[in-house]
Protein backbone atom coordinates (compact mmCIF):
# COMPACT_ATOMS: atom_id res chain seq x y z
CA MET A 1 -9.69 1.76 -27.93
CA LYS A 2 -6.96 4.38 -27.69
CA LYS A 3 -4.81 4.39 -24.58
CA PRO A 4 -5.37 7.49 -22.43
CA SER A 5 -2.58 10.05 -22.36
CA SER A 6 -0.24 9.78 -19.42
CA SER A 7 1.17 13.33 -19.61
CA ARG A 8 -0.76 14.43 -16.53
CA ARG A 9 0.48 11.36 -14.67
CA ASP A 10 4.06 12.15 -15.68
CA PHE A 11 3.66 15.72 -14.44
CA LEU A 12 2.34 14.59 -11.09
CA LYS A 13 5.10 12.02 -10.77
CA THR A 14 7.78 14.60 -11.58
CA SER A 15 6.39 17.17 -9.19
CA ALA A 16 6.09 14.58 -6.44
CA LEU A 17 9.68 13.46 -6.79
CA ALA A 18 11.31 16.83 -7.46
CA GLY A 19 9.19 19.28 -5.52
CA GLY A 20 8.26 20.16 -1.98
CA LEU A 21 6.35 16.92 -1.48
CA LEU A 22 9.43 15.38 0.06
CA LEU A 23 8.91 17.50 3.17
CA LEU A 24 7.70 15.39 6.06
CA PRO A 25 4.49 16.55 7.75
CA SER A 26 4.89 18.34 11.02
CA GLY A 27 4.68 15.86 13.85
CA PHE A 28 5.08 12.78 11.68
CA LEU A 29 6.72 10.96 14.56
CA ARG A 30 4.27 9.03 16.73
CA GLY A 31 2.74 11.05 19.53
CA GLN A 32 3.70 14.43 18.05
CA ASN A 33 0.69 15.31 15.91
CA ALA A 34 0.10 18.97 16.85
CA PRO A 35 -0.84 20.33 20.27
CA SER A 36 -4.29 18.78 20.03
CA ASN A 37 -2.75 15.39 19.23
CA ARG A 38 -4.98 15.28 16.15
CA LEU A 39 -4.27 12.95 13.27
CA ASN A 40 -4.97 14.32 9.78
CA TYR A 41 -5.96 11.32 7.66
CA ALA A 42 -6.67 10.64 3.97
CA ALA A 43 -8.26 7.53 2.43
CA ILE A 44 -7.14 6.10 -0.92
CA GLY A 45 -9.91 3.79 -2.09
CA VAL A 46 -13.33 4.39 -0.51
CA GLY A 47 -15.53 1.64 -1.99
CA GLY A 48 -16.01 -1.91 -0.74
CA MET A 49 -13.47 -2.66 1.98
CA GLY A 50 -12.20 0.89 1.47
CA GLY A 51 -15.53 2.15 2.75
CA ALA A 52 -15.14 0.10 5.92
CA ASP A 53 -11.56 1.30 6.37
CA THR A 54 -12.49 4.95 5.86
CA GLY A 55 -15.35 4.75 8.33
CA GLY A 56 -13.42 2.72 10.88
CA ILE A 57 -10.37 4.98 10.90
CA SER A 58 -12.16 8.33 10.67
CA GLY A 59 -14.39 7.25 13.55
CA GLN A 60 -11.45 7.00 15.96
CA LYS A 61 -10.90 9.69 18.57
CA GLY A 62 -8.43 12.32 17.42
CA VAL A 63 -8.75 11.59 13.70
CA GLN A 64 -9.59 14.36 11.23
CA LEU A 65 -10.54 13.14 7.74
CA VAL A 66 -9.07 15.60 5.22
CA GLY A 67 -8.90 13.67 1.94
CA LEU A 68 -10.82 11.03 -0.02
CA CYS A 69 -9.62 9.40 -3.23
CA ASP A 70 -11.24 6.96 -5.62
CA VAL A 71 -11.07 6.48 -9.40
CA ASP A 72 -14.84 5.85 -9.43
CA LYS A 73 -16.69 9.17 -9.42
CA GLU A 74 -19.88 7.61 -8.04
CA ARG A 75 -18.06 6.09 -5.09
CA LEU A 76 -16.09 9.26 -4.46
CA ASP A 77 -19.17 11.48 -4.61
CA GLY A 78 -21.01 9.13 -2.25
CA ALA A 79 -18.17 9.26 0.24
CA LEU A 80 -18.02 13.05 0.07
CA ARG A 81 -21.76 13.27 0.75
CA LYS A 82 -21.35 10.93 3.71
CA TYR A 83 -18.35 12.52 5.37
CA THR A 84 -18.59 16.24 4.57
CA PRO A 85 -21.17 16.94 7.31
CA ARG A 86 -18.70 15.65 9.91
CA PHE A 87 -15.53 16.87 8.20
CA PRO A 88 -16.46 20.07 6.28
CA LYS A 89 -12.93 20.60 4.92
CA VAL A 90 -12.51 17.12 3.43
CA ARG A 91 -11.45 17.20 -0.24
CA GLY A 92 -12.02 14.63 -2.97
CA PHE A 93 -9.53 13.36 -5.56
CA ARG A 94 -9.54 10.67 -8.22
CA ASP A 95 -5.75 10.30 -8.53
CA TYR A 96 -3.81 9.39 -5.39
CA ARG A 97 -0.79 11.29 -6.71
CA GLU A 98 -2.81 14.48 -6.90
CA LEU A 99 -4.04 13.91 -3.35
CA LEU A 100 -0.45 13.56 -2.12
CA GLU A 101 0.62 16.59 -4.13
CA LYS A 102 -2.17 18.87 -2.95
CA LEU A 103 -2.48 17.66 0.66
CA GLY A 104 1.06 16.43 1.23
CA LYS A 105 1.88 18.95 3.95
CA ASP A 106 -1.49 18.62 5.64
CA ILE A 107 -1.85 14.87 6.16
CA ASP A 108 -0.16 12.58 8.67
CA ALA A 109 -1.63 9.20 7.74
CA VAL A 110 -3.05 7.39 4.72
CA SER A 111 -5.06 4.20 4.21
CA VAL A 112 -4.67 2.25 0.96
CA SER A 113 -7.72 0.11 0.15
CA THR A 114 -7.39 -0.42 -3.60
CA PRO A 115 -7.07 -3.61 -5.70
CA ASP A 116 -3.96 -5.64 -4.83
CA HIS A 117 -1.96 -4.59 -7.88
CA THR A 118 -2.05 -0.90 -6.85
CA HIS A 119 -1.30 -1.28 -3.13
CA PHE A 120 2.43 -0.77 -3.57
CA THR A 121 2.33 2.24 -5.88
CA ALA A 122 0.05 4.21 -3.55
CA ALA A 123 1.52 3.01 -0.24
CA TYR A 124 5.16 3.45 -1.22
CA SER A 125 4.45 6.97 -2.51
CA ALA A 126 2.87 7.86 0.84
CA VAL A 127 5.66 6.30 2.88
CA GLU A 128 8.25 8.22 0.84
CA LEU A 129 6.60 11.38 2.15
CA GLY A 130 6.75 10.19 5.75
CA LYS A 131 3.07 9.28 6.03
CA HIS A 132 1.90 6.55 8.38
CA VAL A 133 0.10 3.89 6.33
CA TYR A 134 -2.67 1.35 6.80
CA VAL A 135 -2.61 -1.03 3.80
CA GLN A 136 -5.20 -3.65 3.01
CA LYS A 137 -4.17 -7.30 2.85
CA PRO A 138 -2.30 -9.08 1.36
CA LEU A 139 -0.10 -5.96 1.69
CA CYS A 140 1.39 -6.12 -1.83
CA HIS A 141 1.05 -7.97 -5.12
CA THR A 142 4.62 -9.37 -5.16
CA ILE A 143 7.21 -10.47 -2.61
CA SER A 144 9.68 -7.88 -3.87
CA GLN A 145 7.13 -5.15 -3.22
CA VAL A 146 6.55 -6.40 0.32
CA ARG A 147 10.25 -6.24 1.10
CA ARG A 148 10.81 -2.82 -0.46
CA LEU A 149 7.74 -1.26 1.16
CA SER A 150 8.66 -2.69 4.57
CA ALA A 151 12.24 -1.43 4.27
CA LYS A 152 11.13 2.07 3.26
CA ALA A 153 8.61 2.23 6.11
CA ALA A 154 11.30 1.22 8.61
CA ALA A 155 13.77 3.73 7.19
CA ASN A 156 11.23 6.57 7.38
CA LYS A 157 10.05 5.52 10.86
CA VAL A 158 6.35 5.52 9.97
CA VAL A 159 3.68 3.58 11.84
CA THR A 160 2.22 0.79 9.73
CA GLN A 161 -0.62 -1.71 9.82
CA MET A 162 -1.88 -4.36 7.39
CA GLY A 163 -5.62 -4.90 7.14
CA ASN A 164 -5.87 -8.41 8.57
CA GLN A 165 -8.23 -7.43 11.35
CA GLY A 166 -8.14 -10.79 13.12
CA SER A 167 -4.58 -10.15 14.18
CA SER A 168 -6.00 -7.76 16.77
CA SER A 169 -8.48 -10.29 18.17
CA ALA A 170 -8.45 -11.77 21.66
CA HIS A 171 -8.76 -15.28 20.19
CA THR A 172 -5.44 -14.92 18.38
CA ARG A 173 -3.63 -14.14 21.62
CA LEU A 174 -5.51 -16.80 23.55
CA ALA A 175 -4.45 -19.45 21.02
CA ARG A 176 -0.79 -18.53 21.58
CA GLU A 177 -1.28 -18.68 25.34
CA TRP A 178 -2.84 -22.14 25.10
CA PHE A 179 0.01 -23.40 22.93
CA GLU A 180 2.76 -21.90 25.08
CA ALA A 181 1.13 -23.32 28.22
CA GLY A 182 1.32 -26.80 26.68
CA LEU A 183 -2.45 -27.34 26.56
CA LEU A 184 -2.38 -28.43 22.91
CA GLY A 185 0.78 -30.51 23.21
CA ASN A 186 3.06 -30.78 20.20
CA VAL A 187 1.60 -29.34 17.00
CA LYS A 188 3.11 -30.79 13.83
CA GLU A 189 0.23 -30.17 11.48
CA VAL A 190 -2.16 -27.29 10.85
CA ALA A 191 -4.97 -26.76 8.35
CA ALA A 192 -6.82 -23.64 7.24
CA TRP A 193 -9.64 -23.39 4.73
CA SER A 194 -12.11 -21.06 3.05
CA ASP A 195 -15.33 -21.24 1.05
CA ARG A 196 -13.88 -18.60 -1.31
CA PRO A 197 -13.77 -17.66 -4.11
CA ILE A 198 -17.10 -15.86 -4.19
CA TRP A 199 -15.96 -14.11 -7.40
CA PRO A 200 -15.16 -15.75 -10.77
CA GLN A 201 -11.94 -17.77 -11.09
CA GLY A 202 -10.67 -20.22 -13.69
CA MET A 203 -11.52 -17.90 -16.61
CA LYS A 204 -9.79 -18.73 -19.89
CA ASP A 205 -10.05 -15.18 -21.24
CA TYR A 206 -11.20 -11.71 -20.30
CA ARG A 207 -14.72 -10.56 -21.12
CA PRO A 208 -15.30 -8.65 -24.40
CA VAL A 209 -14.05 -5.06 -24.68
CA LYS A 210 -16.63 -2.41 -23.75
CA PRO A 211 -16.68 1.40 -23.54
CA VAL A 212 -15.38 2.81 -20.29
CA PRO A 213 -18.41 3.65 -18.07
CA GLU A 214 -19.15 7.27 -17.31
CA LYS A 215 -18.42 6.82 -13.59
CA LEU A 216 -14.74 6.23 -14.44
CA GLY A 217 -14.54 9.35 -16.62
CA ASP A 218 -11.88 9.99 -19.25
CA ASP A 219 -8.95 8.72 -17.21
CA GLY A 220 -10.47 6.55 -14.48
CA TRP A 221 -9.74 3.24 -16.19
CA ASP A 222 -6.13 4.27 -16.76
CA LEU A 223 -5.89 5.20 -13.08
CA TRP A 224 -7.50 1.90 -12.05
CA LEU A 225 -4.95 -0.07 -14.08
CA GLY A 226 -2.12 1.91 -12.49
CA PRO A 227 1.18 0.04 -12.92
CA ALA A 228 -0.42 -2.95 -14.69
CA LYS A 229 0.03 -3.60 -18.40
CA PHE A 230 -2.59 -1.70 -20.39
CA LEU A 231 -5.80 -3.61 -21.05
CA ASP A 232 -8.92 -2.26 -22.75
CA TYR A 233 -11.88 -1.92 -20.41
CA ARG A 234 -13.87 -5.06 -19.59
CA ASP A 235 -16.88 -5.62 -17.36
CA GLY A 236 -16.23 -7.54 -14.19
CA LEU A 237 -12.81 -6.18 -13.24
CA HIS A 238 -13.68 -2.91 -11.53
CA ALA A 239 -14.90 -3.07 -8.87
CA PHE A 240 -14.93 -6.66 -7.55
CA ALA A 241 -13.98 -9.55 -9.84
CA TRP A 242 -10.37 -8.40 -10.27
CA ARG A 243 -9.39 -10.75 -7.43
CA GLY A 244 -9.56 -13.78 -9.69
CA TYR A 245 -6.99 -12.55 -12.25
CA TYR A 246 -3.21 -12.89 -11.89
CA ALA A 247 -2.65 -9.35 -13.18
CA PHE A 248 -4.70 -7.67 -10.46
CA GLY A 249 -5.37 -9.93 -7.47
CA CYS A 250 -4.10 -12.84 -5.42
CA GLY A 251 -7.12 -15.16 -5.63
CA ALA A 252 -8.84 -16.88 -2.73
CA LEU A 253 -5.47 -17.53 -1.10
CA GLY A 254 -4.52 -13.85 -1.00
CA ASP A 255 -7.98 -12.78 0.09
CA MET A 256 -8.62 -15.26 2.91
CA ALA A 257 -5.46 -17.17 3.87
CA ILE A 258 -3.99 -13.85 4.93
CA HIS A 259 -6.70 -13.88 7.62
CA LEU A 260 -7.16 -17.55 8.38
CA MET A 261 -3.58 -18.77 8.49
CA TYR A 262 -2.45 -16.01 10.82
CA ASP A 263 -3.69 -17.45 14.14
CA ALA A 264 -1.55 -20.58 13.87
CA TYR A 265 1.38 -18.72 12.31
CA TYR A 266 1.39 -16.34 15.28
CA ALA A 267 0.70 -18.98 17.95
CA LEU A 268 3.48 -21.31 16.78
CA GLY A 269 6.01 -18.57 16.04
CA LEU A 270 6.51 -19.73 12.44
CA THR A 271 8.92 -18.03 10.07
CA ALA A 272 9.33 -18.77 6.33
CA PRO A 273 8.52 -22.11 4.71
CA THR A 274 11.27 -23.99 2.90
CA LYS A 275 8.99 -25.91 0.55
CA ILE A 276 5.55 -25.23 -0.93
CA GLU A 277 3.56 -28.08 -2.51
CA VAL A 278 0.35 -27.87 -4.55
CA SER A 279 -2.44 -30.37 -5.16
CA ASN A 280 -6.11 -30.49 -6.13
CA ILE A 281 -5.69 -27.60 -8.57
CA THR A 282 -8.83 -27.46 -10.71
CA GLY A 283 -9.87 -24.96 -13.36
CA ALA A 284 -6.57 -23.10 -13.56
CA SER A 285 -5.82 -21.02 -16.65
CA ASP A 286 -3.12 -18.77 -18.09
CA ILE A 287 -4.73 -15.61 -16.68
CA ALA A 288 -6.82 -16.63 -13.66
CA TYR A 289 -6.52 -18.48 -10.37
CA PRO A 290 -8.00 -21.98 -10.05
CA LEU A 291 -11.44 -22.97 -8.83
CA THR A 292 -9.96 -25.08 -6.05
CA SER A 293 -6.49 -25.50 -4.61
CA ASN A 294 -4.62 -27.18 -1.77
CA ILE A 295 -1.33 -25.52 -0.86
CA THR A 296 0.96 -27.17 1.69
CA PHE A 297 3.65 -25.07 3.37
CA HIS A 298 6.53 -26.86 5.09
CA PHE A 299 7.85 -24.73 7.97
CA PRO A 300 11.08 -25.48 9.80
CA ALA A 301 11.14 -25.82 13.59
CA THR A 302 11.39 -22.58 15.55
CA GLU A 303 12.17 -21.80 19.15
CA ARG A 304 8.45 -21.80 19.89
CA SER A 305 7.11 -24.55 17.61
CA LYS A 306 9.95 -26.96 18.61
CA ASN A 307 9.32 -29.14 15.54
CA PRO A 308 8.69 -28.73 11.81
CA VAL A 309 5.09 -27.89 10.91
CA LYS A 310 3.12 -28.95 7.84
CA PHE A 311 0.48 -26.29 7.15
CA THR A 312 -2.12 -27.01 4.45
CA TRP A 313 -4.49 -24.49 2.90
CA TYR A 314 -7.80 -25.56 1.26
CA ASP A 315 -10.09 -23.37 -0.87
CA GLY A 316 -12.95 -23.74 -3.33
CA ARG A 317 -16.52 -22.49 -3.54
CA GLY A 318 -19.10 -25.26 -3.10
CA SER A 319 -16.43 -27.95 -3.46
CA ASN A 320 -16.42 -29.23 0.13
CA ASN A 321 -12.64 -28.95 -0.08
CA ARG A 322 -12.01 -29.10 3.65
CA PRO A 323 -9.52 -30.71 6.03
CA GLN A 324 -10.26 -33.63 8.31
CA SER A 325 -12.51 -32.71 11.22
CA PRO A 326 -11.12 -34.04 14.51
CA ASN A 327 -13.52 -36.24 16.46
CA GLY A 328 -16.16 -35.81 13.76
CA GLN A 329 -17.04 -32.32 14.91
CA GLY A 330 -18.31 -29.72 12.46
CA LEU A 331 -16.09 -26.97 11.15
CA PRO A 332 -17.12 -23.42 10.18
CA GLY A 333 -17.13 -22.23 6.56
CA ASN A 334 -13.78 -20.49 7.10
CA GLY A 335 -11.24 -21.28 9.79
CA SER A 336 -8.16 -23.13 10.96
CA VAL A 337 -7.31 -26.13 13.13
CA LEU A 338 -4.13 -26.75 15.08
CA TYR A 339 -3.76 -30.53 15.46
CA GLY A 340 -2.07 -30.90 18.85
CA ASP A 341 -1.22 -34.34 20.18
CA LYS A 342 -3.24 -33.46 23.31
CA ILE A 343 -6.06 -31.31 21.90
CA ALA A 344 -7.02 -30.01 18.48
CA LEU A 345 -8.06 -26.35 18.45
CA SER A 346 -10.34 -24.63 15.93
CA VAL A 347 -9.49 -20.94 15.97
CA SER A 348 -10.10 -17.87 13.82
CA GLY A 349 -9.56 -14.31 14.92
CA TRP A 350 -11.26 -13.33 11.65
CA GLY A 351 -14.31 -15.51 12.29
CA ASN A 352 -14.46 -15.06 16.08
CA GLU A 353 -13.94 -18.82 16.57
CA PHE A 354 -12.14 -20.46 19.49
CA LYS A 355 -13.24 -24.04 20.01
CA PRO A 356 -11.22 -26.89 21.52
CA LEU A 357 -12.24 -30.01 19.59
CA LEU A 358 -12.58 -32.38 22.53
CA LYS A 359 -13.30 -36.07 22.64
CA GLU A 360 -16.61 -37.16 24.14
CA GLY A 361 -16.52 -36.68 27.89
CA GLU A 362 -13.27 -34.71 27.80
CA GLU A 363 -13.28 -31.57 29.93
CA ARG A 364 -12.29 -28.19 28.50
CA PRO A 365 -9.03 -26.99 30.03
CA LYS A 366 -9.05 -23.76 31.99
CA ASN A 367 -7.50 -20.77 30.29
CA PRO A 368 -3.89 -20.20 31.35
CA PRO A 369 -2.92 -16.88 32.96
CA LYS A 370 -3.19 -14.00 30.49
CA LYS A 371 0.26 -13.40 29.02
CA TYR A 372 -0.43 -11.10 26.06
CA GLU A 373 -2.26 -7.80 26.32
CA ARG A 374 -5.53 -7.59 24.40
CA VAL A 375 -6.00 -4.84 21.84
CA ARG A 376 -8.24 -2.02 23.00
CA GLY A 377 -10.89 -0.88 20.52
CA GLY A 378 -10.03 -3.10 17.58
CA HIS A 379 -7.68 -3.07 14.62
CA TYR A 380 -8.28 0.50 13.45
CA ALA A 381 -7.91 1.88 16.95
CA ASN A 382 -4.69 -0.11 17.29
CA TRP A 383 -3.17 1.71 14.30
CA VAL A 384 -4.37 5.15 15.38
CA ASN A 385 -3.19 4.57 18.94
CA GLY A 386 0.10 3.32 17.59
CA ILE A 387 0.59 6.71 15.95
CA LEU A 388 -0.77 8.94 18.69
CA LYS A 389 0.21 6.97 21.80
CA GLY A 390 2.94 4.56 20.76
CA GLU A 391 0.74 1.47 21.30
CA GLU A 392 2.23 -1.80 20.04
CA LEU A 393 0.85 -2.70 16.61
CA SER A 394 -0.81 -6.04 15.87
CA SER A 395 0.17 -6.14 12.21
CA SER A 396 2.94 -3.62 11.62
CA PHE A 397 4.98 -4.39 8.52
CA ASP A 398 7.82 -5.95 10.50
CA LYS A 399 5.26 -8.60 11.53
CA SER A 400 2.85 -8.66 8.61
CA GLY A 401 5.51 -8.38 5.89
CA PRO A 402 7.09 -11.82 6.50
CA PHE A 403 3.62 -13.34 6.89
CA ALA A 404 2.38 -11.74 3.65
CA GLU A 405 5.42 -13.27 1.93
CA VAL A 406 4.23 -16.73 3.03
CA ILE A 407 0.86 -16.17 1.34
CA LEU A 408 2.48 -14.80 -1.81
CA LEU A 409 4.72 -17.90 -1.98
CA GLY A 410 1.53 -19.95 -2.10
CA VAL A 411 0.12 -17.67 -4.78
CA ILE A 412 3.19 -18.31 -6.97
CA ALA A 413 3.02 -22.07 -6.41
CA SER A 414 -0.67 -22.02 -7.30
CA ARG A 415 0.03 -20.13 -10.53
CA LEU A 416 2.82 -22.48 -11.58
CA LYS A 417 1.08 -25.63 -10.26
CA ARG A 418 4.28 -27.25 -8.98
CA THR A 419 6.36 -27.77 -5.86
CA LEU A 420 8.79 -24.94 -5.08
CA THR A 421 11.80 -24.73 -2.76
CA TRP A 422 12.30 -21.34 -1.10
CA ASP A 423 15.37 -19.65 0.37
CA ALA A 424 14.04 -16.75 2.43
CA LYS A 425 17.45 -15.22 3.11
CA SER A 426 18.23 -14.70 -0.58
CA GLY A 427 14.58 -14.21 -1.51
CA THR A 428 14.79 -16.76 -4.33
CA PHE A 429 13.40 -20.12 -5.35
CA THR A 430 15.98 -22.82 -5.90
CA GLY A 431 16.59 -23.53 -9.58
CA ASP A 432 13.36 -22.01 -10.88
CA ASP A 433 13.75 -18.90 -13.05
CA GLU A 434 10.05 -18.71 -13.87
CA ALA A 435 9.10 -18.63 -10.20
CA ASN A 436 11.82 -16.09 -9.42
CA ALA A 437 10.45 -13.78 -12.11
CA LEU A 438 7.13 -13.76 -10.22
CA VAL A 439 8.89 -12.74 -7.01
CA LYS A 440 9.71 -9.42 -8.63
CA GLY A 441 6.76 -8.92 -10.96
CA GLY A 442 6.54 -6.86 -14.13
CA VAL A 443 7.83 -3.43 -15.13
CA PRO A 444 5.30 -0.72 -14.18
CA ARG A 445 3.77 1.65 -16.68
CA ALA A 446 5.14 5.18 -16.74
CA GLY A 447 4.03 7.28 -13.82
CA PHE A 448 3.46 4.40 -11.40
CA LYS A 449 5.57 2.26 -9.08
CA ALA A 450 5.75 -1.54 -8.90
């Protein structure tokens, strides 16, 4: 199969970098979006989780949906049919660069809900233009991308949010309040687990080459690949099973640990781990994530945690790969447990779980005084209100960036199937060139960023 021409991509890239696109939208600073305080918003990626993001953000008060973008014509057409009655001026695009070129002066904010490997190229391009961005988890595909995107967002003073919705939950804040009030006691060990993957992993090769489906058109597959190395079209990548492949996703860890590890990370005030260990890796291959994995992160003591913390992640579909259940109590299919020396706590902002795991006859402690304000209206409202009203963000990149790095460290350890030692200050693994190459990632194809 012949590779599609990239001349149109090169043109769009050149015009974006050299032309008027570098003008910031009027009112790009929070709280200054026109006299009506209206937020002009465009969605990049409108299928799957992108559909939820588009609906959730466009449904907020003060938001005007002006642009929709998806490489899949069927998904894009469906979104246009859905949203045009409410937003008659909304326009559809299949290339995010064309959306930014054509609507650059008219939009204030952009959501990026594409496969992991294209988060950075779309989000960074939007941030360069001074657009506020909401980016799906795990934020980026590589640690280098996380750091560069976070730095650019800070430099351009845009309002940011990562799509780990549980970070806006009341349970997440309550868990921190319990820990800080001493109700759990010392916490030296934490576990989090998931019943993912629910998509294929452990594949030894890609599926056979097939013609590009009509819904992707002449250039849709090329657009879907974005910065990734060219690969002829295969079934099972677009639009769901990409998560299981190194080239496009971050596996079960990137999909679910980014949700389920956050409650404890936030409650204990953890920073960056110094060592990452792997075990129980089954079904790994040269191109795909394993069927099961246990990843143990060793965190140093912090001002809040007071002592080092060993944090172990478990995943695997149908494998019963779970942590020990305190006091023999059942655990949900996805969640986390903080093992305090007074009380163990099962908590998940993502799964709406807050359950002290008490011994028989033990009384549940009363909640301490509320210390942290609860988010009004949920995660999408938090981002929109952060732009329009200056509300504090639950998962702005200064918070979610360092946490996303933790997950991506586990992704690298899972790929290499060995213990790694990490120096967060230098952003390097100690004495491991192969691991350090994965921190940066590959060279992007022409016309894209990586």
